[in-house]
Protein backbone atom coordinates (compact mmCIF):
# COMPACT_ATOMS: atom_id res chain seq x y z
CA UNK A 1 15.90 -8.80 -10.63
CA UNK A 2 18.74 -8.98 -13.19
CA UNK A 3 20.48 -5.89 -11.80
CA UNK A 4 20.51 -7.28 -8.28
CA UNK A 5 21.76 -10.66 -9.47
CA UNK A 6 24.60 -8.96 -11.33
CA UNK A 7 25.56 -7.04 -8.19
CA UNK A 8 25.55 -10.18 -6.01
CA UNK A 9 27.55 -12.14 -8.62
CA UNK A 10 30.15 -9.38 -9.01
CA UNK A 11 30.69 -8.80 -5.30
CA UNK A 12 30.78 -12.53 -4.47
CA UNK A 13 33.28 -13.20 -7.24
CA UNK A 14 35.53 -10.25 -6.39
CA UNK A 15 35.54 -11.17 -2.70
CA UNK A 16 36.14 -14.84 -3.45
CA UNK A 17 33.06 -15.93 -1.48
CA UNK A 18 31.19 -18.35 -3.76
CA UNK A 19 28.44 -18.91 -1.17
CA UNK A 20 27.19 -15.38 -1.91
CA UNK A 21 26.61 -16.10 -5.60
CA UNK A 22 22.85 -16.45 -6.25
CA UNK A 23 23.33 -19.82 -7.97
CA UNK A 24 24.86 -21.16 -4.75
CA UNK A 25 22.19 -19.88 -2.38
CA UNK A 26 20.39 -22.46 -0.28
CA UNK A 27 16.74 -22.97 -1.12
CA UNK A 28 14.74 -21.61 1.78
CA UNK A 29 11.33 -20.18 2.48
CA UNK A 30 12.40 -17.16 4.51
CA UNK A 31 15.16 -14.57 4.63
CA UNK A 32 15.96 -15.66 8.18
CA UNK A 33 16.54 -19.28 7.08
CA UNK A 34 18.63 -18.10 4.11
CA UNK A 35 20.76 -15.90 6.41
CA UNK A 36 21.36 -18.72 8.92
CA UNK A 37 22.20 -21.31 6.26
CA UNK A 38 24.45 -18.93 4.33
CA UNK A 39 26.37 -17.81 7.41
CA UNK A 40 26.79 -21.36 8.71
CA UNK A 41 28.21 -22.43 5.33
CA UNK A 42 31.19 -20.11 6.02
CA UNK A 43 34.34 -20.84 7.96
CA UNK A 44 33.93 -19.48 11.49
CA UNK A 45 36.74 -16.97 10.96
CA UNK A 46 34.86 -15.40 8.02
CA UNK A 47 31.36 -15.20 9.49
CA UNK A 48 31.63 -11.77 11.10
CA UNK A 49 33.00 -10.18 7.93
CA UNK A 50 30.43 -11.87 5.73
CA UNK A 51 27.62 -10.62 7.98
CA UNK A 52 28.92 -7.07 7.54
CA UNK A 53 29.20 -7.54 3.77
CA UNK A 54 25.63 -8.84 3.62
CA UNK A 55 24.33 -5.82 5.53
CA UNK A 56 26.23 -3.48 3.20
CA UNK A 57 24.85 -5.25 0.14
CA UNK A 58 21.28 -5.10 1.44
CA UNK A 59 21.63 -1.42 2.33
CA UNK A 60 23.07 -0.34 -1.03
CA UNK A 61 20.50 -2.37 -2.98
CA UNK A 62 17.70 -0.90 -0.86
CA UNK A 63 18.97 2.66 -1.46
CA UNK A 64 19.10 1.98 -5.20
CA UNK A 65 15.56 0.61 -5.12
CA UNK A 66 14.36 3.78 -3.39
CA UNK A 67 16.21 5.97 -5.88
CA UNK A 68 14.52 4.18 -8.78
CA UNK A 69 11.05 4.19 -7.24
CA UNK A 70 10.92 7.65 -5.67
CA UNK A 71 13.32 9.72 -7.79
CA UNK A 72 13.27 7.91 -11.12
CA UNK A 73 17.09 7.73 -11.10
CA UNK A 74 18.76 4.47 -12.08
CA UNK A 75 22.42 3.65 -11.54
CA UNK A 76 24.19 0.94 -13.50
CA UNK A 77 25.15 -2.32 -11.79
CA UNK A 78 28.81 -1.23 -12.02
CA UNK A 79 28.07 2.07 -10.26
CA UNK A 80 26.19 0.28 -7.49
CA UNK A 81 29.01 -2.26 -7.16
CA UNK A 82 31.51 0.59 -6.87
CA UNK A 83 29.40 2.16 -4.10
CA UNK A 84 29.37 -1.16 -2.26
CA UNK A 85 33.13 -1.45 -2.64
CA UNK A 86 33.63 2.07 -1.30
CA UNK A 87 31.48 1.23 1.73
CA UNK A 88 33.34 -2.03 2.33
CA UNK A 89 36.69 -0.23 2.33
CA UNK A 90 35.31 2.59 4.49
CA UNK A 91 34.00 0.12 7.09
CA UNK A 92 37.34 -1.68 6.96
CA UNK A 93 39.27 1.56 7.46
CA UNK A 94 37.02 2.46 10.41
CA UNK A 95 37.93 -0.75 12.19
CA UNK A 96 35.34 -3.34 11.18
CA UNK A 97 37.42 -6.33 12.28
CA UNK A 98 35.34 -8.90 10.45
CA UNK A 99 35.88 -7.11 7.15
CA UNK A 100 39.55 -6.59 8.00
CA UNK A 101 39.93 -10.35 8.35
CA UNK A 102 38.45 -10.89 4.88
CA UNK A 103 40.52 -8.28 3.04
CA UNK A 104 44.23 -7.57 3.06
CA UNK A 105 45.37 -3.99 3.48
CA UNK A 106 46.19 -2.95 -0.05
CA UNK A 107 44.94 0.61 0.10
CA UNK A 108 41.68 -0.41 -1.62
CA UNK A 109 38.79 1.80 -2.43
CA UNK A 110 37.37 0.14 -5.51
CA UNK A 111 35.98 -3.31 -6.14
CA UNK A 112 38.80 -3.98 -8.58
CA UNK A 113 41.15 -3.89 -5.59
CA UNK A 114 39.29 -6.71 -3.84
């Protein structure tokens, strides 16, 4: 899906995690294999934060899918990316240590601050 690819590209680029860019994904036959290979491609100190980011990405993309299918409402990739950024900073502020290790404390709140 072009929208989803745009979201993944934007978040991966802004976070400085090239392994999350779709062009850099390992070729696998299952989501489980993709998850394992992607996580193991990270430095050990980043793995916890990246796992949290992946869960946030999946969740926001899933919510957008449901909004499109069941309510007929479509958000732009930028709007979805901003929602993801807001969630990342919220999780960070609430003490998600893995995310804290990935992002400096700069008072974030938008993806442009990443």
